[in-house]
Each structure stands twice: as C-alpha cells, then as structure tokens.
Amino acid sequence: MAKNSKATLRLRVWIEQENETYIGIGSTLLLQHIEKLGSLRKAAEELGMSYRRAWGKLKNAEQRIGQPLVEKTRGKGQRFNLSPFGKELMEQFLEFYLDVEEYATKKAAEVLQMDVEKSGEFYRDDTD
C-alpha cells in the first residue's frame, strides 16, 4: 500500500479455556446490546442476527462460563438485563479488547508506515 493510504484495523479477539471459547467479541457485543436495549430480540436485530441465533449464542456462552450472564426483568415481559457477573465480564473484556485495539492500531501504523484507524466496534462509553 502507498505510504499515505488510510487503513482500518479489525480485530477478532477471544479468550479460550480448555480449547473452547470462554468470551469473545461476539458474545461481548451481544451482551453490550442487551444491556443497552433491554431486549434480546432488539439486540439480535441490531447485530443482524436471528433471535434464535442470539439465544443460542447466549445460552452457549452461559454454559461454557458456568454462570448466568442475563436475567429476565420481572414484570416486564421478555425484557432482560445483565446479571452482575455478566456485566462485570462484559466490562472486563471490553477494557481488555480496547487496550489491545489501541496498541495494535499504533503498532500497525508504526510498522506499516500508514494511517491506521480503529474499526470502532466498541467504545468505552458504551458501558456507561
């Protein structure tokens, strides 16, 4: 690429335990959208996946992790909020991911001698 070309860094980062995904960007994005929207259905739509796929992804993550990541909100139909553990895990992975992304963006720009920007899939204020 030309020295002045602009590029976008895209990372797919996940943590494995016993050769299975423990937590990754996909699960974290789903949790982030559930927290923001209070709905698994709306979170799935926002992420461009079916409700069934989102439900399966959530249940698989909970099974792998061994703890509930979401709780149904009582008296509100099919509304969800993150469990205390789910919120903490999401925030911890988000902080880790953003730190890796920051380092990787700077390092890529340095090594490739080009303008490299983050993809912007996550932002720190998304968890406020």
Protein backbone atom coordinates (compact mmCIF):
# COMPACT_ATOMS: atom_id res chain seq x y z
CA MET A 1 0.00 0.00 0.00
CA ALA A 2 1.05 3.55 -0.55
CA LYS A 3 2.62 5.27 2.42
CA ASN A 4 -0.27 7.76 2.70
CA SER A 5 -3.05 5.18 2.37
CA LYS A 6 -5.64 5.04 5.11
CA ALA A 7 -6.42 1.64 6.61
CA THR A 8 -8.85 0.24 9.18
CA LEU A 9 -7.75 -2.20 11.84
CA ARG A 10 -10.17 -5.04 12.52
CA LEU A 11 -9.52 -7.46 15.35
CA ARG A 12 -11.20 -10.68 16.33
CA VAL A 13 -10.07 -11.44 19.85
CA TRP A 14 -11.34 -14.11 22.17
CA ILE A 15 -10.22 -15.99 25.26
CA GLU A 16 -10.24 -19.78 25.25
CA GLN A 17 -10.38 -22.16 28.16
CA GLU A 18 -9.87 -25.88 27.64
CA ASN A 19 -9.88 -25.35 23.84
CA GLU A 20 -13.31 -23.67 23.87
CA THR A 21 -14.16 -20.01 23.60
CA TYR A 22 -14.69 -18.54 27.05
CA ILE A 23 -15.54 -14.97 25.99
CA GLY A 24 -15.02 -13.09 22.77
CA ILE A 25 -16.04 -10.11 20.74
CA GLY A 26 -19.31 -11.68 19.52
CA SER A 27 -20.61 -12.56 22.96
CA THR A 28 -19.48 -9.22 24.34
CA LEU A 29 -21.24 -7.29 21.58
CA LEU A 30 -24.41 -9.26 22.26
CA LEU A 31 -24.21 -8.53 26.00
CA GLN A 32 -23.50 -4.88 25.28
CA HIS A 33 -26.60 -4.58 23.09
CA ILE A 34 -28.80 -6.47 25.56
CA GLU A 35 -27.72 -4.05 28.28
CA LYS A 36 -28.35 -1.03 26.07
CA LEU A 37 -31.70 -2.17 24.65
CA GLY A 38 -33.06 -4.40 27.45
CA SER A 39 -34.16 -6.93 24.85
CA LEU A 40 -32.55 -9.99 23.29
CA ARG A 41 -34.76 -9.63 20.22
CA LYS A 42 -33.76 -5.99 19.67
CA ALA A 43 -30.10 -6.80 20.35
CA ALA A 44 -30.23 -9.57 17.73
CA GLU A 45 -31.85 -7.26 15.18
CA GLU A 46 -29.27 -4.55 15.83
CA LEU A 47 -26.47 -7.09 15.27
CA GLY A 48 -28.09 -8.52 12.15
CA MET A 49 -28.75 -11.99 13.52
CA SER A 50 -31.85 -14.03 14.14
CA TYR A 51 -33.37 -14.22 17.60
CA ARG A 52 -32.73 -17.96 17.59
CA ARG A 53 -29.03 -17.47 16.81
CA ALA A 54 -28.70 -14.80 19.52
CA TRP A 55 -30.49 -17.01 22.06
CA GLY A 56 -28.21 -19.95 21.16
CA LYS A 57 -25.09 -17.77 21.39
CA LEU A 58 -26.17 -16.50 24.81
CA LYS A 59 -27.06 -19.96 26.16
CA ASN A 60 -23.81 -21.46 24.82
CA ALA A 61 -21.81 -18.68 26.47
CA GLU A 62 -23.59 -19.21 29.79
CA GLN A 63 -22.98 -22.95 29.59
CA ARG A 64 -19.27 -22.51 28.81
CA ILE A 65 -18.82 -19.88 31.53
CA GLY A 66 -20.94 -21.71 34.08
CA GLN A 67 -22.91 -18.67 35.24
CA PRO A 68 -25.94 -16.73 34.01
CA LEU A 69 -25.00 -13.64 32.00
CA VAL A 70 -28.51 -12.19 31.78
CA GLU A 71 -31.61 -12.12 33.96
CA LYS A 72 -35.21 -11.63 32.97
CA THR A 73 -36.59 -8.36 34.28
CA ARG A 74 -39.56 -9.26 36.48
CA GLY A 75 -42.92 -7.93 35.42
CA LYS A 76 -41.65 -6.60 32.10
CA GLY A 77 -42.44 -9.46 29.70
CA GLN A 78 -39.41 -10.61 27.72
CA ARG A 79 -37.10 -7.83 28.94
CA PHE A 80 -33.57 -8.72 30.01
CA ASN A 81 -30.79 -7.10 31.93
CA LEU A 82 -27.28 -8.35 32.55
CA SER A 83 -26.59 -10.35 35.67
CA PRO A 84 -23.98 -8.75 37.95
CA PHE A 85 -21.45 -11.33 36.70
CA GLY A 86 -22.46 -10.76 33.05
CA LYS A 87 -22.00 -7.01 33.40
CA GLU A 88 -18.62 -7.40 35.09
CA LEU A 89 -17.38 -9.90 32.48
CA MET A 90 -18.57 -7.67 29.62
CA GLU A 91 -16.83 -4.63 31.10
CA GLN A 92 -13.60 -6.54 31.79
CA PHE A 93 -13.44 -8.00 28.28
CA LEU A 94 -14.32 -4.62 26.78
CA GLU A 95 -11.49 -2.93 28.68
CA PHE A 96 -9.06 -5.67 27.59
CA TYR A 97 -10.22 -5.50 23.97
CA LEU A 98 -9.94 -1.72 23.78
CA ASP A 99 -6.43 -1.81 25.22
CA VAL A 100 -5.38 -4.44 22.66
CA GLU A 101 -7.02 -2.43 19.87
CA GLU A 102 -5.22 0.75 20.95
CA TYR A 103 -1.84 -0.99 20.99
CA ALA A 104 -2.44 -2.82 17.71
CA THR A 105 -3.54 0.37 15.93
CA LYS A 106 -0.42 2.27 17.00
CA LYS A 107 1.88 -0.67 16.23
CA ALA A 108 0.32 -1.25 12.78
CA ALA A 109 0.72 2.44 11.91
CA GLU A 110 4.34 2.35 13.04
CA VAL A 111 5.31 -0.89 11.30
CA LEU A 112 3.36 -0.33 8.08
CA GLN A 113 4.06 3.42 8.00
CA MET A 114 0.50 4.30 7.18
CA ASP A 115 -2.53 5.96 8.71
CA VAL A 116 -4.37 3.20 10.59
CA GLU A 117 -7.67 3.80 12.35
CA LYS A 118 -9.76 1.64 14.68
CA SER A 119 -12.87 -0.02 13.31
CA GLY A 120 -14.96 1.46 16.14
CA GLU A 121 -16.91 -1.68 17.03
CA PHE A 122 -16.56 -0.81 20.71
CA TYR A 123 -16.31 2.45 22.55
CA ARG A 124 -15.55 2.94 26.25
CA ASP A 125 -18.71 4.99 26.77
CA ASP A 126 -20.88 2.13 25.51
CA THR A 127 -20.88 0.68 29.02
CA ASP A 128 -21.87 3.90 30.81
